[in-house]
Amino acid sequence: MVAPNDSPEETPLVTTNAAYDSKVEGNVIVTQVDAAINWMRKNSLWPMPMGLACCAIELMATGASRFDISRFGAEVMRFSPRQSDVMIVAGTVTYKMSLAVKRIWDQMPEPKWCIAMGACASSGGMYRSYATLQGIDQLIPVDVYISGCPPRPEALIDGLMKLQKLVEEEESLAALKPEITKALS
């Protein structure tokens, strides 16, 4: 509506939001269920720290204020496997310790992911002995490898971002479809 003394050039234009519906308060977002689930999962990864050697110090430094892993939604370090979904194996895994690592991995609920942090967790490192496991991937599936001896906190943050990219691209409902169809029948 134009006031009698105002010219049309001075009247501000009022734009309306095309997605706004007077019956629904706020905006409406349309997405796929997989995309929404993956977005929630990738932004709320809860690590299970398996600090076995010197890499654990760098893992702890990543959670400190200087590097602040909480920017990625992974600040909730859970020391209970039933509340974790990412195992970060940081350090040398001996055969004696491997049984405990496998037991904790088996106790973690699905979906779960693993990060092998450092040379020892990735390939046995400098320890070529009968007592050292030559890579945690011989025991559990690894999603992201982080190189270094020990790797810097920035490397762990980069590995976490790569894991977030993997989680974002997963088909979340593919694993649930057999359970849903079984429940419906």
N, C-alpha and C. Protein backbone atom coordinates (compact mmCIF):
# COMPACT_ATOMS: atom_id res chain seq x y z
N MET A 1 0.84 -1.17 0.00
CA MET A 1 0.00 0.00 0.00
C MET A 1 0.89 1.23 0.00
N VAL A 2 0.62 2.15 -0.85
CA VAL A 2 1.42 3.34 -1.00
C VAL A 2 0.74 4.50 -0.27
N ALA A 3 1.50 5.20 0.55
CA ALA A 3 0.96 6.38 1.24
C ALA A 3 0.75 7.51 0.23
N PRO A 4 -0.23 8.44 0.48
CA PRO A 4 -0.53 9.47 -0.52
C PRO A 4 0.66 10.39 -0.83
N ASN A 5 1.54 10.66 0.12
CA ASN A 5 2.65 11.58 -0.12
C ASN A 5 3.89 10.88 -0.64
N ASP A 6 3.94 9.57 -0.59
CA ASP A 6 5.13 8.82 -1.01
C ASP A 6 5.05 8.46 -2.48
N SER A 7 6.18 8.53 -3.11
CA SER A 7 6.23 8.08 -4.50
C SER A 7 6.50 6.57 -4.51
N PRO A 8 6.13 5.89 -5.56
CA PRO A 8 6.35 4.43 -5.62
C PRO A 8 7.82 4.04 -5.56
N GLU A 9 8.74 4.95 -5.96
CA GLU A 9 10.15 4.62 -5.93
C GLU A 9 10.68 4.54 -4.50
N GLU A 10 10.10 5.27 -3.57
CA GLU A 10 10.57 5.29 -2.19
C GLU A 10 9.92 4.22 -1.33
N THR A 11 8.93 3.53 -1.81
CA THR A 11 8.22 2.52 -1.04
C THR A 11 9.06 1.25 -0.99
N PRO A 12 9.36 0.73 0.21
CA PRO A 12 10.15 -0.51 0.28
C PRO A 12 9.33 -1.70 -0.23
N LEU A 13 10.02 -2.60 -0.90
CA LEU A 13 9.36 -3.80 -1.40
C LEU A 13 9.28 -4.83 -0.28
N VAL A 14 8.16 -5.44 -0.14
CA VAL A 14 7.96 -6.47 0.86
C VAL A 14 7.98 -7.81 0.15
N THR A 15 8.89 -8.68 0.55
CA THR A 15 8.96 -10.01 -0.05
C THR A 15 8.43 -11.03 0.94
N THR A 16 7.85 -12.05 0.42
CA THR A 16 7.34 -13.13 1.27
C THR A 16 8.13 -14.38 1.00
N ASN A 17 8.23 -15.22 2.01
CA ASN A 17 8.93 -16.48 1.88
C ASN A 17 8.01 -17.48 1.18
N ALA A 18 8.46 -18.04 0.08
CA ALA A 18 7.62 -18.95 -0.69
C ALA A 18 7.33 -20.24 0.06
N ALA A 19 8.22 -20.65 0.96
CA ALA A 19 8.02 -21.91 1.69
C ALA A 19 7.19 -21.71 2.94
N TYR A 20 6.81 -20.48 3.24
CA TYR A 20 6.05 -20.21 4.46
C TYR A 20 4.59 -20.55 4.26
N ASP A 21 4.04 -21.24 5.22
CA ASP A 21 2.63 -21.58 5.21
C ASP A 21 2.04 -21.06 6.51
N SER A 22 0.95 -20.34 6.43
CA SER A 22 0.38 -19.75 7.63
C SER A 22 -0.11 -20.81 8.61
N LYS A 23 -0.36 -22.02 8.16
CA LYS A 23 -0.82 -23.09 9.04
C LYS A 23 0.35 -23.75 9.78
N VAL A 24 1.56 -23.63 9.23
CA VAL A 24 2.75 -24.22 9.84
C VAL A 24 3.65 -23.08 10.29
N GLU A 25 3.97 -23.05 11.57
CA GLU A 25 4.84 -21.99 12.07
C GLU A 25 6.29 -22.33 11.72
N GLY A 26 6.99 -21.38 11.16
CA GLY A 26 8.40 -21.59 10.82
C GLY A 26 8.56 -22.13 9.42
N ASN A 27 9.77 -22.53 9.11
CA ASN A 27 10.09 -23.05 7.79
C ASN A 27 9.98 -24.56 7.76
N VAL A 28 9.81 -25.08 6.59
CA VAL A 28 9.72 -26.52 6.39
C VAL A 28 10.96 -26.96 5.62
N ILE A 29 11.62 -28.01 6.10
CA ILE A 29 12.79 -28.55 5.43
C ILE A 29 12.41 -29.91 4.87
N VAL A 30 12.71 -30.12 3.61
CA VAL A 30 12.43 -31.38 2.96
C VAL A 30 13.76 -32.07 2.69
N THR A 31 13.88 -33.32 3.15
CA THR A 31 15.12 -34.07 2.95
C THR A 31 14.80 -35.56 2.94
N GLN A 32 15.80 -36.37 2.71
CA GLN A 32 15.64 -37.81 2.77
C GLN A 32 15.95 -38.27 4.19
N VAL A 33 15.36 -39.38 4.58
CA VAL A 33 15.57 -39.91 5.93
C VAL A 33 17.04 -40.30 6.11
N ASP A 34 17.63 -40.92 5.10
CA ASP A 34 19.06 -41.28 5.17
C ASP A 34 19.93 -40.06 5.43
N ALA A 35 19.66 -38.98 4.73
CA ALA A 35 20.47 -37.77 4.88
C ALA A 35 20.32 -37.19 6.29
N ALA A 36 19.12 -37.21 6.83
CA ALA A 36 18.90 -36.67 8.18
C ALA A 36 19.59 -37.54 9.23
N ILE A 37 19.46 -38.86 9.10
CA ILE A 37 20.10 -39.77 10.07
C ILE A 37 21.61 -39.64 9.99
N ASN A 38 22.15 -39.60 8.78
CA ASN A 38 23.61 -39.47 8.63
C ASN A 38 24.11 -38.13 9.14
N TRP A 39 23.35 -37.07 8.97
CA TRP A 39 23.75 -35.77 9.49
C TRP A 39 23.83 -35.81 11.01
N MET A 40 22.84 -36.45 11.63
CA MET A 40 22.85 -36.56 13.10
C MET A 40 24.01 -37.43 13.58
N ARG A 41 24.26 -38.53 12.89
CA ARG A 41 25.35 -39.43 13.29
C ARG A 41 26.72 -38.79 13.13
N LYS A 42 26.93 -38.10 12.02
CA LYS A 42 28.26 -37.54 11.78
C LYS A 42 28.58 -36.39 12.71
N ASN A 43 27.58 -35.71 13.22
CA ASN A 43 27.82 -34.58 14.11
C ASN A 43 27.72 -34.94 15.58
N SER A 44 27.59 -36.22 15.88
CA SER A 44 27.56 -36.63 17.29
C SER A 44 28.29 -37.96 17.47
N LEU A 45 29.52 -38.02 17.01
CA LEU A 45 30.33 -39.21 17.19
C LEU A 45 30.87 -39.25 18.62
N TRP A 46 30.67 -40.34 19.30
CA TRP A 46 31.15 -40.48 20.68
C TRP A 46 32.29 -41.48 20.71
N PRO A 47 33.52 -40.99 20.86
CA PRO A 47 34.68 -41.88 20.81
C PRO A 47 34.85 -42.75 22.06
N MET A 48 35.33 -43.95 21.83
CA MET A 48 35.78 -44.86 22.89
C MET A 48 37.30 -44.85 22.79
N PRO A 49 38.00 -44.13 23.66
CA PRO A 49 39.46 -44.05 23.54
C PRO A 49 40.13 -45.32 24.03
N MET A 50 40.93 -45.92 23.17
CA MET A 50 41.75 -47.07 23.54
C MET A 50 43.20 -46.60 23.51
N GLY A 51 43.59 -45.84 24.52
CA GLY A 51 44.94 -45.30 24.60
C GLY A 51 45.88 -46.33 25.17
N LEU A 52 46.71 -46.92 24.33
CA LEU A 52 47.56 -48.03 24.74
C LEU A 52 49.04 -47.64 24.86
N ALA A 53 49.43 -46.51 24.31
CA ALA A 53 50.84 -46.12 24.35
C ALA A 53 50.94 -44.61 24.17
N CYS A 54 52.04 -44.15 23.61
CA CYS A 54 52.33 -42.71 23.52
C CYS A 54 51.32 -41.95 22.68
N CYS A 55 50.63 -42.59 21.76
CA CYS A 55 49.61 -41.90 20.96
C CYS A 55 48.45 -41.44 21.83
N ALA A 56 48.27 -42.06 22.98
CA ALA A 56 47.17 -41.67 23.86
C ALA A 56 47.36 -40.26 24.39
N ILE A 57 48.60 -39.81 24.55
CA ILE A 57 48.86 -38.44 25.01
C ILE A 57 48.36 -37.45 23.96
N GLU A 58 48.60 -37.75 22.69
CA GLU A 58 48.10 -36.89 21.61
C GLU A 58 46.59 -36.95 21.51
N LEU A 59 46.01 -38.09 21.80
CA LEU A 59 44.55 -38.23 21.83
C LEU A 59 43.97 -37.35 22.93
N MET A 60 44.60 -37.33 24.09
CA MET A 60 44.14 -36.48 25.18
C MET A 60 44.30 -35.00 24.84
N ALA A 61 45.38 -34.66 24.15
CA ALA A 61 45.61 -33.27 23.77
C ALA A 61 44.54 -32.78 22.78
N THR A 62 44.02 -33.69 21.97
CA THR A 62 42.99 -33.32 21.01
C THR A 62 41.71 -32.89 21.73
N GLY A 63 41.45 -33.46 22.87
CA GLY A 63 40.27 -33.08 23.64
C GLY A 63 40.46 -31.82 24.45
N ALA A 64 41.67 -31.31 24.54
CA ALA A 64 41.96 -30.11 25.33
C ALA A 64 41.50 -28.85 24.58
N SER A 65 41.56 -27.74 25.26
CA SER A 65 41.02 -26.50 24.71
C SER A 65 41.80 -25.97 23.50
N ARG A 66 43.07 -26.30 23.37
CA ARG A 66 43.86 -25.78 22.26
C ARG A 66 43.39 -26.34 20.92
N PHE A 67 43.01 -27.59 20.90
CA PHE A 67 42.60 -28.22 19.64
C PHE A 67 41.09 -28.41 19.56
N ASP A 68 40.43 -28.61 20.70
CA ASP A 68 38.98 -28.57 20.81
C ASP A 68 38.25 -29.48 19.82
N ILE A 69 38.26 -30.76 20.13
CA ILE A 69 37.57 -31.74 19.29
C ILE A 69 36.04 -31.58 19.36
N SER A 70 35.57 -30.77 20.31
CA SER A 70 34.12 -30.58 20.46
C SER A 70 33.52 -29.81 19.29
N ARG A 71 34.34 -29.16 18.48
CA ARG A 71 33.81 -28.48 17.29
C ARG A 71 33.18 -29.47 16.32
N PHE A 72 33.56 -30.71 16.44
CA PHE A 72 33.09 -31.73 15.51
C PHE A 72 32.06 -32.66 16.16
N GLY A 73 31.61 -32.33 17.35
CA GLY A 73 30.61 -33.15 18.02
C GLY A 73 31.16 -34.41 18.63
N ALA A 74 32.46 -34.47 18.86
CA ALA A 74 33.09 -35.69 19.37
C ALA A 74 33.73 -35.48 20.72
N GLU A 75 33.26 -34.48 21.48
CA GLU A 75 33.89 -34.19 22.76
C GLU A 75 33.46 -35.14 23.86
N VAL A 76 32.42 -35.90 23.64
CA VAL A 76 31.91 -36.79 24.68
C VAL A 76 32.69 -38.10 24.61
N MET A 77 33.83 -38.14 25.26
CA MET A 77 34.63 -39.36 25.32
C MET A 77 33.96 -40.29 26.32
N ARG A 78 33.52 -41.41 25.83
CA ARG A 78 32.84 -42.38 26.69
C ARG A 78 33.78 -43.53 26.99
N PHE A 79 33.87 -43.85 28.26
CA PHE A 79 34.71 -44.97 28.65
C PHE A 79 33.88 -46.22 28.88
N SER A 80 32.66 -46.17 28.40
CA SER A 80 31.78 -47.34 28.40
C SER A 80 31.52 -47.71 26.95
N PRO A 81 31.82 -48.93 26.54
CA PRO A 81 31.62 -49.29 25.13
C PRO A 81 30.17 -49.24 24.69
N ARG A 82 29.24 -49.37 25.61
CA ARG A 82 27.83 -49.37 25.25
C ARG A 82 27.31 -47.97 24.93
N GLN A 83 28.11 -46.94 25.20
CA GLN A 83 27.71 -45.57 24.89
C GLN A 83 28.58 -44.96 23.80
N SER A 84 29.40 -45.74 23.15
CA SER A 84 30.35 -45.23 22.15
C SER A 84 30.00 -45.76 20.77
N ASP A 85 30.42 -45.02 19.76
CA ASP A 85 30.24 -45.52 18.40
C ASP A 85 31.52 -45.41 17.55
N VAL A 86 32.58 -44.82 18.10
CA VAL A 86 33.87 -44.74 17.40
C VAL A 86 34.96 -45.21 18.34
N MET A 87 35.67 -46.25 17.96
CA MET A 87 36.81 -46.68 18.76
C MET A 87 38.07 -46.07 18.15
N ILE A 88 38.81 -45.34 18.97
CA ILE A 88 40.08 -44.78 18.52
C ILE A 88 41.19 -45.61 19.18
N VAL A 89 41.81 -46.46 18.40
CA VAL A 89 42.90 -47.30 18.90
C VAL A 89 44.19 -46.50 18.73
N ALA A 90 44.74 -46.04 19.85
CA ALA A 90 45.91 -45.16 19.83
C ALA A 90 47.07 -45.86 20.52
N GLY A 91 47.97 -46.42 19.75
CA GLY A 91 49.16 -47.01 20.33
C GLY A 91 49.39 -48.45 19.94
N THR A 92 50.37 -49.03 20.60
CA THR A 92 50.82 -50.39 20.33
C THR A 92 49.84 -51.41 20.89
N VAL A 93 49.40 -52.31 20.05
CA VAL A 93 48.48 -53.37 20.49
C VAL A 93 49.28 -54.67 20.58
N THR A 94 49.42 -55.19 21.77
CA THR A 94 50.09 -56.48 21.96
C THR A 94 49.05 -57.58 21.85
N TYR A 95 49.51 -58.79 21.65
CA TYR A 95 48.58 -59.92 21.56
C TYR A 95 47.83 -60.10 22.88
N LYS A 96 48.49 -59.83 23.99
CA LYS A 96 47.85 -59.96 25.29
C LYS A 96 46.72 -58.95 25.45
N MET A 97 46.90 -57.74 24.92
CA MET A 97 45.88 -56.70 25.01
C MET A 97 44.82 -56.83 23.94
N SER A 98 45.11 -57.55 22.88
CA SER A 98 44.18 -57.64 21.75
C SER A 98 42.85 -58.29 22.14
N LEU A 99 42.87 -59.21 23.08
CA LEU A 99 41.62 -59.83 23.51
C LEU A 99 40.70 -58.81 24.19
N ALA A 100 41.27 -57.91 24.98
CA ALA A 100 40.48 -56.87 25.62
C ALA A 100 39.93 -55.87 24.60
N VAL A 101 40.75 -55.52 23.61
CA VAL A 101 40.30 -54.60 22.56
C VAL A 101 39.15 -55.22 21.78
N LYS A 102 39.28 -56.48 21.43
CA LYS A 102 38.22 -57.18 20.69
C LYS A 102 36.94 -57.28 21.52
N ARG A 103 37.06 -57.55 22.81
CA ARG A 103 35.88 -57.65 23.68
C ARG A 103 35.15 -56.30 23.75
N ILE A 104 35.91 -55.23 23.90
CA ILE A 104 35.29 -53.90 23.95
C ILE A 104 34.64 -53.55 22.62
N TRP A 105 35.30 -53.91 21.51
CA TRP A 105 34.72 -53.68 20.18
C TRP A 105 33.40 -54.42 20.03
N ASP A 106 33.35 -55.66 20.48
CA ASP A 106 32.13 -56.45 20.36
C ASP A 106 31.00 -55.90 21.24
N GLN A 107 31.33 -55.21 22.31
CA GLN A 107 30.31 -54.64 23.20
C GLN A 107 29.74 -53.33 22.68
N MET A 108 30.40 -52.72 21.71
CA MET A 108 29.90 -51.46 21.16
C MET A 108 28.69 -51.73 20.27
N PRO A 109 27.64 -50.90 20.36
CA PRO A 109 26.46 -51.11 19.52
C PRO A 109 26.70 -50.67 18.08
N GLU A 110 25.92 -51.23 17.18
CA GLU A 110 25.97 -50.82 15.77
C GLU A 110 25.20 -49.53 15.62
N PRO A 111 25.53 -48.67 14.71
CA PRO A 111 26.70 -48.66 13.85
C PRO A 111 27.93 -48.21 14.62
N LYS A 112 29.07 -48.75 14.25
CA LYS A 112 30.31 -48.41 14.93
C LYS A 112 31.43 -48.30 13.91
N TRP A 113 32.40 -47.48 14.25
CA TRP A 113 33.52 -47.22 13.37
C TRP A 113 34.82 -47.29 14.15
N CYS A 114 35.93 -47.45 13.44
CA CYS A 114 37.23 -47.56 14.10
C CYS A 114 38.24 -46.65 13.42
N ILE A 115 39.04 -45.97 14.25
CA ILE A 115 40.16 -45.16 13.77
C ILE A 115 41.43 -45.77 14.34
N ALA A 116 42.38 -46.12 13.46
CA ALA A 116 43.69 -46.60 13.89
C ALA A 116 44.62 -45.41 13.92
N MET A 117 45.03 -45.01 15.13
CA MET A 117 45.83 -43.80 15.29
C MET A 117 47.28 -44.16 15.54
N GLY A 118 48.14 -43.76 14.62
CA GLY A 118 49.56 -43.97 14.78
C GLY A 118 50.08 -45.17 14.02
N ALA A 119 51.41 -45.22 13.91
CA ALA A 119 52.06 -46.29 13.16
C ALA A 119 51.86 -47.65 13.82
N CYS A 120 51.89 -47.70 15.15
CA CYS A 120 51.76 -48.99 15.84
C CYS A 120 50.38 -49.60 15.66
N ALA A 121 49.34 -48.78 15.77
CA ALA A 121 47.98 -49.30 15.59
C ALA A 121 47.71 -49.65 14.13
N SER A 122 48.35 -48.94 13.22
CA SER A 122 48.11 -49.17 11.79
C SER A 122 48.88 -50.37 11.25
N SER A 123 50.18 -50.51 11.67
CA SER A 123 50.99 -51.56 11.05
C SER A 123 51.96 -52.23 12.01
N GLY A 124 51.83 -52.00 13.29
CA GLY A 124 52.78 -52.57 14.24
C GLY A 124 53.95 -51.66 14.52
N GLY A 125 54.11 -50.62 13.71
CA GLY A 125 55.17 -49.64 13.94
C GLY A 125 56.55 -50.24 13.88
N MET A 126 57.39 -49.82 14.81
CA MET A 126 58.79 -50.30 14.83
C MET A 126 58.93 -51.64 15.53
N TYR A 127 57.84 -52.13 16.07
CA TYR A 127 57.89 -53.39 16.83
C TYR A 127 57.58 -54.56 15.92
N ARG A 128 58.60 -55.23 15.46
CA ARG A 128 58.46 -56.44 14.64
C ARG A 128 58.79 -57.63 15.52
N SER A 129 57.92 -57.87 16.51
CA SER A 129 58.21 -58.96 17.45
C SER A 129 57.01 -59.89 17.54
N TYR A 130 57.24 -61.01 18.19
CA TYR A 130 56.19 -62.02 18.35
C TYR A 130 55.07 -61.54 19.27
N ALA A 131 55.29 -60.51 20.07
CA ALA A 131 54.31 -60.06 21.05
C ALA A 131 53.42 -58.94 20.56
N THR A 132 53.73 -58.34 19.40
CA THR A 132 53.00 -57.17 18.92
C THR A 132 52.14 -57.52 17.72
N LEU A 133 50.88 -57.11 17.79
CA LEU A 133 49.96 -57.28 16.67
C LEU A 133 50.37 -56.31 15.57
N GLN A 134 50.52 -56.80 14.35
CA GLN A 134 51.00 -55.98 13.24
C GLN A 134 49.85 -55.26 12.54
N GLY A 135 49.15 -54.45 13.31
CA GLY A 135 48.02 -53.69 12.77
C GLY A 135 46.71 -54.15 13.38
N ILE A 136 45.94 -53.22 13.87
CA ILE A 136 44.67 -53.55 14.50
C ILE A 136 43.65 -54.06 13.48
N ASP A 137 43.91 -53.83 12.19
CA ASP A 137 42.99 -54.31 11.16
C ASP A 137 43.00 -55.83 11.03
N GLN A 138 43.94 -56.50 11.66
CA GLN A 138 43.92 -57.97 11.70
C GLN A 138 42.87 -58.47 12.69
N LEU A 139 42.41 -57.58 13.56
CA LEU A 139 41.48 -57.96 14.62
C LEU A 139 40.08 -57.39 14.41
N ILE A 140 40.00 -56.12 14.06
CA ILE A 140 38.72 -55.45 13.85
C ILE A 140 38.80 -54.61 12.58
N PRO A 141 37.66 -54.33 11.94
CA PRO A 141 37.71 -53.52 10.71
C PRO A 141 38.02 -52.05 11.02
N VAL A 142 38.92 -51.48 10.25
CA VAL A 142 39.35 -50.09 10.45
C VAL A 142 38.78 -49.24 9.32
N ASP A 143 38.21 -48.09 9.68
CA ASP A 143 37.64 -47.18 8.69
C ASP A 143 38.62 -46.08 8.28
N VAL A 144 39.40 -45.56 9.24
CA VAL A 144 40.33 -44.47 8.96
C VAL A 144 41.67 -44.78 9.61
N TYR A 145 42.74 -44.64 8.83
CA TYR A 145 44.10 -44.80 9.34
C TYR A 145 44.73 -43.42 9.47
N ILE A 146 45.41 -43.18 10.59
CA ILE A 146 46.12 -41.92 10.81
C ILE A 146 47.60 -42.26 10.97
N SER A 147 48.42 -41.72 10.09
CA SER A 147 49.85 -42.03 10.14
C SER A 147 50.56 -41.11 11.11
N GLY A 148 51.77 -41.52 11.48
CA GLY A 148 52.60 -40.71 12.37
C GLY A 148 53.05 -41.51 13.58
N CYS A 149 54.10 -41.02 14.22
CA CYS A 149 54.62 -41.70 15.40
C CYS A 149 55.13 -40.66 16.40
N PRO A 150 54.33 -40.20 17.28
CA PRO A 150 52.86 -40.24 17.31
C PRO A 150 52.29 -39.15 16.42
N PRO A 151 51.08 -39.33 15.93
CA PRO A 151 50.47 -38.29 15.10
C PRO A 151 50.05 -37.09 15.95
N ARG A 152 50.12 -35.93 15.35
CA ARG A 152 49.72 -34.70 16.05
C ARG A 152 48.21 -34.64 16.22
N PRO A 153 47.72 -33.84 17.15
CA PRO A 153 46.27 -33.70 17.31
C PRO A 153 45.57 -33.23 16.03
N GLU A 154 46.25 -32.41 15.23
CA GLU A 154 45.65 -31.98 13.97
C GLU A 154 45.38 -33.16 13.05
N ALA A 155 46.26 -34.16 13.08
CA ALA A 155 46.07 -35.36 12.25
C ALA A 155 44.84 -36.14 12.72
N LEU A 156 44.63 -36.22 14.03
CA LEU A 156 43.44 -36.91 14.54
C LEU A 156 42.18 -36.15 14.15
N ILE A 157 42.22 -34.84 14.20
CA ILE A 157 41.06 -34.05 13.78
C ILE A 157 40.78 -34.26 12.29
N ASP A 158 41.85 -34.33 11.47
CA ASP A 158 41.68 -34.61 10.05
C ASP A 158 41.08 -36.00 9.84
N GLY A 159 41.55 -36.98 10.60
CA GLY A 159 40.99 -38.33 10.51
C GLY A 159 39.53 -38.37 10.93
N LEU A 160 39.19 -37.58 11.92
CA LEU A 160 37.80 -37.51 12.37
C LEU A 160 36.92 -36.88 11.29
N MET A 161 37.44 -35.87 10.60
CA MET A 161 36.68 -35.25 9.51
C MET A 161 36.50 -36.23 8.35
N LYS A 162 37.52 -37.06 8.09
CA LYS A 162 37.37 -38.09 7.04
C LYS A 162 36.34 -39.13 7.44
N LEU A 163 36.30 -39.48 8.73
CA LEU A 163 35.29 -40.41 9.20
C LEU A 163 33.90 -39.79 9.09
N GLN A 164 33.78 -38.51 9.36
CA GLN A 164 32.48 -37.84 9.22
C GLN A 164 32.02 -37.89 7.76
N LYS A 165 32.95 -37.75 6.84
CA LYS A 165 32.59 -37.83 5.42
C LYS A 165 32.11 -39.24 5.06
N LEU A 166 32.76 -40.28 5.63
CA LEU A 166 32.32 -41.65 5.40
C LEU A 166 30.92 -41.89 5.98
N VAL A 167 30.68 -41.38 7.17
CA VAL A 167 29.38 -41.56 7.82
C VAL A 167 28.30 -40.84 7.03
N GLU A 168 28.63 -39.68 6.48
CA GLU A 168 27.67 -38.90 5.72
C GLU A 168 27.22 -39.63 4.45
N GLU A 169 28.07 -40.46 3.88
CA GLU A 169 27.77 -41.12 2.61
C GLU A 169 27.19 -42.52 2.78
N GLU A 170 26.99 -42.98 4.02
CA GLU A 170 26.45 -44.32 4.25
C GLU A 170 24.97 -44.39 3.94
N GLU A 171 24.50 -45.61 3.69
CA GLU A 171 23.07 -45.85 3.56
C GLU A 171 22.58 -46.33 4.92
N SER A 172 21.99 -45.43 5.67
CA SER A 172 21.61 -45.72 7.05
C SER A 172 20.48 -46.72 7.14
N LEU A 173 19.49 -46.60 6.27
CA LEU A 173 18.32 -47.46 6.37
C LEU A 173 18.52 -48.83 5.74
N ALA A 174 19.61 -49.02 5.01
CA ALA A 174 19.83 -50.31 4.36
C ALA A 174 19.94 -51.43 5.39
N ALA A 175 20.59 -51.17 6.51
CA ALA A 175 20.73 -52.19 7.55
C ALA A 175 19.43 -52.37 8.32
N LEU A 176 18.60 -51.34 8.37
CA LEU A 176 17.36 -51.43 9.13
C LEU A 176 16.21 -52.06 8.35
N LYS A 177 16.30 -52.09 7.02
CA LYS A 177 15.20 -52.59 6.21
C LYS A 177 14.81 -54.03 6.54
N PRO A 178 15.75 -54.96 6.70
CA PRO A 178 15.33 -56.33 7.07
C PRO A 178 14.62 -56.36 8.43
N GLU A 179 15.08 -55.55 9.38
CA GLU A 179 14.45 -55.54 10.70
C GLU A 179 13.06 -54.94 10.63
N ILE A 180 12.88 -53.91 9.81
CA ILE A 180 11.57 -53.26 9.67
C ILE A 180 10.58 -54.21 9.01
N THR A 181 11.03 -54.88 7.94
CA THR A 181 10.12 -55.81 7.27
C THR A 181 9.78 -57.00 8.14
N LYS A 182 10.74 -57.45 8.95
CA LYS A 182 10.48 -58.56 9.87
C LYS A 182 9.46 -58.12 10.94
N ALA A 183 9.59 -56.89 11.43
CA ALA A 183 8.67 -56.39 12.46
C ALA A 183 7.26 -56.21 11.90
N LEU A 184 7.16 -55.82 10.63
CA LEU A 184 5.85 -55.61 10.04
C LEU A 184 5.14 -56.90 9.67
N SER A 185 5.89 -57.97 9.45
CA SER A 185 5.26 -59.23 9.04
C SER A 185 4.88 -60.10 10.21
